[in-house]
Amino acid sequence: MMPSPDQLFEALHATWPAAAQTKRDGWIIRDGAGAGKRASAASLVTPNADITQAEALQRDLGQTPLFMIRQSDGQDQTILDEALHNRGYATLDPTVIYACDVDSLAPDTLPIAKTYAVWEPLQVMKEIWAVGGIGAARTALMHRVTGPKTAIMSRTGDTACGVGFVALHKNIAMVHAVEVHKTHRRKGVARLVMANAAHWAKAQGAKTLALAVTRDNLAANMLYTSLGMTQVTAYHYRAKDV
């Protein structure tokens, strides 16, 4: 049985956390410390909470107001979405959350000397992430995760070519930051990263493997559906001046 949307969003934020967050005036306000939208966007807690107040709280942190609109099992956020649209907020990064039973993806064994789970990330892993736009603020975020976590590295011969990050929240393992060096794409590297992530997750007692990917990343969406992962929920952001 797949987790609910709310369970997946809880795991998403626990395994890719803001530097700090507060629940105030009907919102969760996140300080992302430069680690991107997922760690910075405000989330609605109370229906009809004051948008102007959320904007002010985010500006107090030195952040441009940004909102996450979720397909949640506990709350219809259509009204919020329309209200932000009417204020001139544009839609950004429509994103799908996929999930699957971890046993369906975890191999019994992994290829020898081709993929590793290692914490802390090696310098060569950080370099691959950096080329893909996953810089120091996001690797610092990985260190903030308090539960079980690891980085995944895959290689071709002696060359590191693919990386990922996976962390556990309750019985959900969330995969983040899958990146394959451009010279090694379409060679099965991402599949190997995912297999290792599932192998690690199963050993940690996870029941579900999940991840988020933008809808316009067609290659990644094709990969995850080919692995048997199912879309459970989705979200997008709203921001001005984009």
C-alpha atoms as a PDB file:
ATOM      1  CA  MET A   1       0.000   0.000   0.000  1.00  0.00           C
ATOM      2  CA  MET A   2       1.384   3.392  -1.033  1.00  0.00           C
ATOM      3  CA  PRO A   3       1.801   6.180   1.536  1.00  0.00           C
ATOM      4  CA  SER A   4      -0.721   9.009   1.456  1.00  0.00           C
ATOM      5  CA  PRO A   5       0.195  12.366  -0.111  1.00  0.00           C
ATOM      6  CA  ASP A   6       0.508  13.924   3.341  1.00  0.00           C
ATOM      7  CA  GLN A   7       2.901  11.176   4.462  1.00  0.00           C
ATOM      8  CA  LEU A   8       5.024  11.738   1.362  1.00  0.00           C
ATOM      9  CA  PHE A   9       5.157  15.508   1.887  1.00  0.00           C
ATOM     10  CA  GLU A  10       6.164  14.961   5.512  1.00  0.00           C
ATOM     11  CA  ALA A  11       9.002  12.697   4.351  1.00  0.00           C
ATOM     12  CA  LEU A  12       9.965  15.103   1.574  1.00  0.00           C
ATOM     13  CA  HIS A  13      10.553  17.961   4.003  1.00  0.00           C
ATOM     14  CA  ALA A  14      12.151  15.802   6.698  1.00  0.00           C
ATOM     15  CA  THR A  15      14.721  14.455   4.250  1.00  0.00           C
ATOM     16  CA  TRP A  16      15.377  17.779   2.465  1.00  0.00           C
ATOM     17  CA  PRO A  17      15.023  20.191   5.378  1.00  0.00           C
ATOM     18  CA  ALA A  18      15.068  23.937   5.667  1.00  0.00           C
ATOM     19  CA  ALA A  19      17.793  25.520   7.781  1.00  0.00           C
ATOM     20  CA  ALA A  20      14.985  26.674  10.069  1.00  0.00           C
ATOM     21  CA  GLN A  21      11.215  26.777   9.964  1.00  0.00           C
ATOM     22  CA  THR A  22       8.400  28.171  12.027  1.00  0.00           C
ATOM     23  CA  LYS A  23       4.650  27.639  12.102  1.00  0.00           C
ATOM     24  CA  ARG A  24       2.998  31.027  12.328  1.00  0.00           C
ATOM     25  CA  ASP A  25      -0.269  32.698  11.334  1.00  0.00           C
ATOM     26  CA  GLY A  26      -1.484  29.663   9.462  1.00  0.00           C
ATOM     27  CA  TRP A  27       1.734  29.040   7.523  1.00  0.00           C
ATOM     28  CA  ILE A  28       4.943  27.059   7.697  1.00  0.00           C
ATOM     29  CA  ILE A  29       7.658  29.587   6.885  1.00  0.00           C
ATOM     30  CA  ARG A  30      11.002  28.108   5.849  1.00  0.00           C
ATOM     31  CA  ASP A  31      14.479  29.611   5.817  1.00  0.00           C
ATOM     32  CA  GLY A  32      16.187  27.742   3.003  1.00  0.00           C
ATOM     33  CA  ALA A  33      19.665  29.232   3.523  1.00  0.00           C
ATOM     34  CA  GLY A  34      20.111  29.348  -0.252  1.00  0.00           C
ATOM     35  CA  ALA A  35      19.296  25.665  -0.790  1.00  0.00           C
ATOM     36  CA  GLY A  36      16.559  26.149  -3.368  1.00  0.00           C
ATOM     37  CA  LYS A  37      12.780  26.225  -3.601  1.00  0.00           C
ATOM     38  CA  ARG A  38      11.950  22.984  -1.814  1.00  0.00           C
ATOM     39  CA  ALA A  39      13.726  24.148   1.342  1.00  0.00           C
ATOM     40  CA  SER A  40      12.457  27.731   1.129  1.00  0.00           C
ATOM     41  CA  ALA A  41       8.810  27.731   0.036  1.00  0.00           C
ATOM     42  CA  ALA A  42       6.021  28.595   2.441  1.00  0.00           C
ATOM     43  CA  SER A  43       3.289  25.987   2.960  1.00  0.00           C
ATOM     44  CA  LEU A  44      -0.314  26.584   3.943  1.00  0.00           C
ATOM     45  CA  VAL A  45      -1.448  25.090   7.262  1.00  0.00           C
ATOM     46  CA  THR A  46      -4.758  26.852   7.934  1.00  0.00           C
ATOM     47  CA  PRO A  47      -7.273  27.461   5.113  1.00  0.00           C
ATOM     48  CA  ASN A  48      -7.689  31.145   4.199  1.00  0.00           C
ATOM     49  CA  ALA A  49      -4.541  32.185   6.081  1.00  0.00           C
ATOM     50  CA  ASP A  50      -3.397  35.709   5.206  1.00  0.00           C
ATOM     51  CA  ILE A  51      -1.105  35.689   2.169  1.00  0.00           C
ATOM     52  CA  THR A  52       0.153  39.196   2.931  1.00  0.00           C
ATOM     53  CA  GLN A  53       1.390  38.019   6.312  1.00  0.00           C
ATOM     54  CA  ALA A  54       3.249  35.092   4.730  1.00  0.00           C
ATOM     55  CA  GLU A  55       4.874  37.471   2.252  1.00  0.00           C
ATOM     56  CA  ALA A  56       6.047  39.712   5.079  1.00  0.00           C
ATOM     57  CA  LEU A  57       7.435  36.823   7.106  1.00  0.00           C
ATOM     58  CA  GLN A  58       9.444  35.599   4.128  1.00  0.00           C
ATOM     59  CA  ARG A  59      10.786  39.070   3.367  1.00  0.00           C
ATOM     60  CA  ASP A  60      11.870  39.350   7.009  1.00  0.00           C
ATOM     61  CA  LEU A  61      14.156  36.370   6.265  1.00  0.00           C
ATOM     62  CA  GLY A  62      15.582  38.140   3.217  1.00  0.00           C
ATOM     63  CA  GLN A  63      13.730  35.766   0.877  1.00  0.00           C
ATOM     64  CA  THR A  64      11.518  36.534  -2.088  1.00  0.00           C
ATOM     65  CA  PRO A  65       7.992  35.266  -1.320  1.00  0.00           C
ATOM     66  CA  LEU A  66       7.544  31.733  -2.638  1.00  0.00           C
ATOM     67  CA  PHE A  67       4.693  29.303  -2.053  1.00  0.00           C
ATOM     68  CA  MET A  68       4.313  25.547  -2.478  1.00  0.00           C
ATOM     69  CA  ILE A  69       0.885  24.432  -3.700  1.00  0.00           C
ATOM     70  CA  ARG A  70       0.318  20.777  -2.812  1.00  0.00           C
ATOM     71  CA  GLN A  71      -2.055  18.075  -3.938  1.00  0.00           C
ATOM     72  CA  SER A  72      -2.821  16.989  -0.411  1.00  0.00           C
ATOM     73  CA  ASP A  73      -5.216  14.411   0.973  1.00  0.00           C
ATOM     74  CA  GLY A  74      -6.083  16.688   3.868  1.00  0.00           C
ATOM     75  CA  GLN A  75      -6.602  20.062   2.228  1.00  0.00           C
ATOM     76  CA  ASP A  76      -7.818  21.520  -1.074  1.00  0.00           C
ATOM     77  CA  GLN A  77      -5.368  24.271  -2.043  1.00  0.00           C
ATOM     78  CA  THR A  78      -7.189  25.407  -5.186  1.00  0.00           C
ATOM     79  CA  ILE A  79      -8.394  28.590  -3.486  1.00  0.00           C
ATOM     80  CA  LEU A  80      -4.820  29.477  -2.457  1.00  0.00           C
ATOM     81  CA  ASP A  81      -3.568  28.746  -5.964  1.00  0.00           C
ATOM     82  CA  GLU A  82      -6.185  31.024  -7.522  1.00  0.00           C
ATOM     83  CA  ALA A  83      -5.558  33.769  -4.974  1.00  0.00           C
ATOM     84  CA  LEU A  84      -1.832  33.769  -5.722  1.00  0.00           C
ATOM     85  CA  HIS A  85      -2.545  33.787  -9.460  1.00  0.00           C
ATOM     86  CA  ASN A  86      -4.735  36.851  -8.971  1.00  0.00           C
ATOM     87  CA  ARG A  87      -1.875  38.552  -7.120  1.00  0.00           C
ATOM     88  CA  GLY A  88       0.418  38.044 -10.103  1.00  0.00           C
ATOM     89  CA  TYR A  89       2.218  34.923  -8.948  1.00  0.00           C
ATOM     90  CA  ALA A  90       3.365  32.657 -11.780  1.00  0.00           C
ATOM     91  CA  THR A  91       3.455  28.868 -11.694  1.00  0.00           C
ATOM     92  CA  LEU A  92       6.926  27.338 -11.347  1.00  0.00           C
ATOM     93  CA  ASP A  93       8.249  23.793 -11.582  1.00  0.00           C
ATOM     94  CA  PRO A  94       5.195  21.509 -11.636  1.00  0.00           C
ATOM     95  CA  THR A  95       6.530  18.432  -9.869  1.00  0.00           C
ATOM     96  CA  VAL A  96       5.462  14.818  -9.477  1.00  0.00           C
ATOM     97  CA  ILE A  97       6.119  12.661  -6.410  1.00  0.00           C
ATOM     98  CA  TYR A  98       6.657   9.024  -7.359  1.00  0.00           C
ATOM     99  CA  ALA A  99       6.714   6.055  -5.002  1.00  0.00           C
ATOM    100  CA  CYS A 100       7.075   2.292  -5.099  1.00  0.00           C
ATOM    101  CA  ASP A 101       7.412  -0.634  -2.756  1.00  0.00           C
ATOM    102  CA  VAL A 102      11.098  -0.759  -1.873  1.00  0.00           C
ATOM    103  CA  ASP A 103      11.244  -4.534  -2.369  1.00  0.00           C
ATOM    104  CA  SER A 104      10.242  -4.141  -6.019  1.00  0.00           C
ATOM    105  CA  LEU A 105      13.341  -2.083  -6.773  1.00  0.00           C
ATOM    106  CA  ALA A 106      15.964  -3.367  -4.355  1.00  0.00           C
ATOM    107  CA  PRO A 107      18.276  -6.007  -5.849  1.00  0.00           C
ATOM    108  CA  ASP A 108      19.554  -8.845  -3.698  1.00  0.00           C
ATOM    109  CA  THR A 109      23.106  -7.893  -4.637  1.00  0.00           C
ATOM    110  CA  LEU A 110      24.789  -4.971  -6.349  1.00  0.00           C
ATOM    111  CA  PRO A 111      27.433  -5.101  -9.100  1.00  0.00           C
ATOM    112  CA  ILE A 112      30.893  -5.363  -7.594  1.00  0.00           C
ATOM    113  CA  ALA A 113      32.917  -2.131  -7.598  1.00  0.00           C
ATOM    114  CA  LYS A 114      30.304  -0.197  -9.609  1.00  0.00           C
ATOM    115  CA  THR A 115      28.219   1.543  -6.967  1.00  0.00           C
ATOM    116  CA  TYR A 116      28.702   2.577  -3.359  1.00  0.00           C
ATOM    117  CA  ALA A 117      26.714   4.008  -0.468  1.00  0.00           C
ATOM    118  CA  VAL A 118      29.001   6.328   1.461  1.00  0.00           C
ATOM    119  CA  TRP A 119      28.637   9.049   4.065  1.00  0.00           C
ATOM    120  CA  GLU A 120      30.034  11.702   4.019  1.00  0.00           C
ATOM    121  CA  PRO A 121      30.047  12.503   0.283  1.00  0.00           C
ATOM    122  CA  LEU A 122      33.442  12.336  -1.396  1.00  0.00           C
ATOM    123  CA  GLN A 123      34.878  15.377  -3.157  1.00  0.00           C
ATOM    124  CA  VAL A 124      34.346  13.800  -6.582  1.00  0.00           C
ATOM    125  CA  MET A 125      30.656  13.391  -5.726  1.00  0.00           C
ATOM    126  CA  LYS A 126      30.368  17.042  -4.773  1.00  0.00           C
ATOM    127  CA  GLU A 127      31.974  17.958  -8.088  1.00  0.00           C
ATOM    128  CA  ILE A 128      29.390  15.976 -10.070  1.00  0.00           C
ATOM    129  CA  TRP A 129      26.584  17.613  -8.087  1.00  0.00           C
ATOM    130  CA  ALA A 130      28.092  21.060  -8.622  1.00  0.00           C
ATOM    131  CA  VAL A 131      28.137  20.602 -12.402  1.00  0.00           C
ATOM    132  CA  GLY A 132      24.419  19.808 -12.189  1.00  0.00           C
ATOM    133  CA  GLY A 133      23.676  22.922 -10.116  1.00  0.00           C
ATOM    134  CA  ILE A 134      23.642  21.194  -6.734  1.00  0.00           C
ATOM    135  CA  GLY A 135      26.145  23.346  -4.906  1.00  0.00           C
ATOM    136  CA  ALA A 136      27.446  23.878  -1.389  1.00  0.00           C
ATOM    137  CA  ALA A 137      24.127  25.114   0.073  1.00  0.00           C
ATOM    138  CA  ARG A 138      22.400  21.893  -0.954  1.00  0.00           C
ATOM    139  CA  THR A 139      25.177  19.609   0.241  1.00  0.00           C
ATOM    140  CA  ALA A 140      25.081  21.509   3.545  1.00  0.00           C
ATOM    141  CA  LEU A 141      21.352  20.747   3.627  1.00  0.00           C
ATOM    142  CA  MET A 142      22.125  17.028   3.322  1.00  0.00           C
ATOM    143  CA  HIS A 143      24.193  17.279   6.498  1.00  0.00           C
ATOM    144  CA  ARG A 144      21.199  18.783   8.330  1.00  0.00           C
ATOM    145  CA  VAL A 145      19.137  15.616   7.934  1.00  0.00           C
ATOM    146  CA  THR A 146      18.931  14.032  11.361  1.00  0.00           C
ATOM    147  CA  GLY A 147      17.720  10.539  10.418  1.00  0.00           C
ATOM    148  CA  PRO A 148      19.513   7.739   8.571  1.00  0.00           C
ATOM    149  CA  LYS A 149      21.030   8.976   5.315  1.00  0.00           C
ATOM    150  CA  THR A 150      23.677   8.200   2.749  1.00  0.00           C
ATOM    151  CA  ALA A 151      25.103   9.400  -0.514  1.00  0.00           C
ATOM    152  CA  ILE A 152      25.212   7.102  -3.526  1.00  0.00           C
ATOM    153  CA  MET A 153      28.017   7.010  -6.076  1.00  0.00           C
ATOM    154  CA  SER A 154      28.158   4.943  -9.246  1.00  0.00           C
ATOM    155  CA  ARG A 155      31.071   4.664 -11.597  1.00  0.00           C
ATOM    156  CA  THR A 156      32.175   3.374 -14.963  1.00  0.00           C
ATOM    157  CA  GLY A 157      35.588   1.767 -14.704  1.00  0.00           C
ATOM    158  CA  ASP A 158      37.513   4.034 -12.376  1.00  0.00           C
ATOM    159  CA  THR A 159      35.443   7.111 -13.224  1.00  0.00           C
ATOM    160  CA  ALA A 160      32.711   8.371 -10.902  1.00  0.00           C
ATOM    161  CA  CYS A 161      29.775   9.296 -13.112  1.00  0.00           C
ATOM    162  CA  GLY A 162      26.547   9.301 -11.070  1.00  0.00           C
ATOM    163  CA  VAL A 163      25.457  10.403  -7.616  1.00  0.00           C
ATOM    164  CA  GLY A 164      22.385  10.642  -5.443  1.00  0.00           C
ATOM    165  CA  PHE A 165      21.281  11.244  -1.873  1.00  0.00           C
ATOM    166  CA  VAL A 166      18.778   9.134   0.065  1.00  0.00           C
ATOM    167  CA  ALA A 167      17.398   9.586   3.576  1.00  0.00           C
ATOM    168  CA  LEU A 168      14.862   7.784   5.729  1.00  0.00           C
ATOM    169  CA  HIS A 169      11.829   9.257   7.482  1.00  0.00           C
ATOM    170  CA  LYS A 170       9.740   6.692   9.346  1.00  0.00           C
ATOM    171  CA  ASN A 171       9.351   3.911   6.760  1.00  0.00           C
ATOM    172  CA  ILE A 172       9.758   6.111   3.665  1.00  0.00           C
ATOM    173  CA  ALA A 173      13.144   6.507   1.979  1.00  0.00           C
ATOM    174  CA  MET A 174      13.315   9.650  -0.161  1.00  0.00           C
ATOM    175  CA  VAL A 175      15.817   9.944  -2.977  1.00  0.00           C
ATOM    176  CA  HIS A 176      17.106  13.411  -3.855  1.00  0.00           C
ATOM    177  CA  ALA A 177      19.753  15.004  -6.048  1.00  0.00           C
ATOM    178  CA  VAL A 178      20.197  12.222  -8.603  1.00  0.00           C
ATOM    179  CA  GLU A 179      22.760  13.557 -11.033  1.00  0.00           C
ATOM    180  CA  VAL A 180      24.620  11.824 -13.868  1.00  0.00           C
ATOM    181  CA  HIS A 181      27.576  13.475 -15.553  1.00  0.00           C
ATOM    182  CA  LYS A 182      26.550  14.523 -19.063  1.00  0.00           C
ATOM    183  CA  THR A 183      29.173  12.308 -20.716  1.00  0.00           C
ATOM    184  CA  HIS A 184      27.651   9.206 -19.104  1.00  0.00           C
ATOM    185  CA  ARG A 185      23.930   9.739 -19.591  1.00  0.00           C
ATOM    186  CA  ARG A 186      21.695   7.107 -21.208  1.00  0.00           C
ATOM    187  CA  LYS A 187      24.087   4.376 -20.115  1.00  0.00           C
ATOM    188  CA  GLY A 188      22.127   2.982 -17.169  1.00  0.00           C
ATOM    189  CA  VAL A 189      23.955   5.011 -14.526  1.00  0.00           C
ATOM    190  CA  ALA A 190      20.801   6.504 -12.995  1.00  0.00           C
ATOM    191  CA  ARG A 191      19.260   3.028 -12.794  1.00  0.00           C
ATOM    192  CA  LEU A 192      22.288   1.869 -10.852  1.00  0.00           C
ATOM    193  CA  VAL A 193      22.016   4.848  -8.487  1.00  0.00           C
ATOM    194  CA  MET A 194      18.356   3.993  -7.878  1.00  0.00           C
ATOM    195  CA  ALA A 195      19.113   0.307  -7.345  1.00  0.00           C
ATOM    196  CA  ASN A 196      21.709   1.171  -4.737  1.00  0.00           C
ATOM    197  CA  ALA A 197      19.355   3.653  -3.066  1.00  0.00           C
ATOM    198  CA  ALA A 198      16.682   0.950  -2.838  1.00  0.00           C
ATOM    199  CA  HIS A 199      19.216  -1.616  -1.586  1.00  0.00           C
ATOM    200  CA  TRP A 200      20.328   0.778   1.164  1.00  0.00           C
ATOM    201  CA  ALA A 201      16.735   1.730   2.011  1.00  0.00           C
ATOM    202  CA  LYS A 202      15.654  -1.888   2.386  1.00  0.00           C
ATOM    203  CA  ALA A 203      18.555  -2.536   4.751  1.00  0.00           C
ATOM    204  CA  GLN A 204      17.342   0.414   6.847  1.00  0.00           C
ATOM    205  CA  GLY A 205      13.851  -1.070   7.120  1.00  0.00           C
ATOM    206  CA  ALA A 206      12.115   1.217   4.627  1.00  0.00           C
ATOM    207  CA  LYS A 207       8.884   0.024   3.046  1.00  0.00           C
ATOM    208  CA  THR A 208       8.603   2.715   0.363  1.00  0.00           C
ATOM    209  CA  LEU A 209      11.070   4.414  -1.953  1.00  0.00           C
ATOM    210  CA  ALA A 210       9.983   7.821  -3.221  1.00  0.00           C
ATOM    211  CA  LEU A 211      11.279  10.897  -4.996  1.00  0.00           C
ATOM    212  CA  ALA A 212      10.158  14.167  -6.579  1.00  0.00           C
ATOM    213  CA  VAL A 213      10.897  15.175 -10.169  1.00  0.00           C
ATOM    214  CA  THR A 214       9.746  18.102 -12.285  1.00  0.00           C
ATOM    215  CA  ARG A 215       7.254  17.261 -15.018  1.00  0.00           C
ATOM    216  CA  ASP A 216       9.417  18.840 -17.724  1.00  0.00           C
ATOM    217  CA  ASN A 217      12.302  16.448 -16.990  1.00  0.00           C
ATOM    218  CA  LEU A 218      10.985  13.953 -19.517  1.00  0.00           C
ATOM    219  CA  ALA A 219      13.954  11.591 -19.376  1.00  0.00           C
ATOM    220  CA  ALA A 220      13.741  11.268 -15.597  1.00  0.00           C
ATOM    221  CA  ASN A 221       9.981  10.740 -15.665  1.00  0.00           C
ATOM    222  CA  MET A 222      10.412   7.982 -18.250  1.00  0.00           C
ATOM    223  CA  LEU A 223      13.104   6.356 -16.118  1.00  0.00           C
ATOM    224  CA  TYR A 224      11.075   6.331 -12.918  1.00  0.00           C
ATOM    225  CA  THR A 225       7.924   5.010 -14.568  1.00  0.00           C
ATOM    226  CA  SER A 226      10.001   2.313 -16.283  1.00  0.00           C
ATOM    227  CA  LEU A 227      11.236   1.290 -12.826  1.00  0.00           C
ATOM    228  CA  GLY A 228       7.642   0.678 -11.779  1.00  0.00           C
ATOM    229  CA  MET A 229       7.266   3.822  -9.692  1.00  0.00           C
ATOM    230  CA  THR A 230       3.784   5.327  -9.496  1.00  0.00           C
ATOM    231  CA  GLN A 231       2.719   8.957  -9.303  1.00  0.00           C
ATOM    232  CA  VAL A 232       1.048   9.473  -5.922  1.00  0.00           C
ATOM    233  CA  THR A 233       0.784  13.249  -5.681  1.00  0.00           C
ATOM    234  CA  ALA A 234       2.147  16.485  -7.112  1.00  0.00           C
ATOM    235  CA  TYR A 235       2.938  20.090  -6.301  1.00  0.00           C
ATOM    236  CA  HIS A 236       4.070  23.317  -7.876  1.00  0.00           C
ATOM    237  CA  TYR A 237       5.357  26.680  -6.727  1.00  0.00           C
ATOM    238  CA  ARG A 238       4.008  30.189  -7.104  1.00  0.00           C
ATOM    239  CA  ALA A 239       6.370  33.178  -7.312  1.00  0.00           C
ATOM    240  CA  LYS A 240       6.486  36.693  -8.738  1.00  0.00           C
ATOM    241  CA  ASP A 241       9.095  38.287 -10.985  1.00  0.00           C
ATOM    242  CA  VAL A 242      10.129  35.080 -12.761  1.00  0.00           C
END
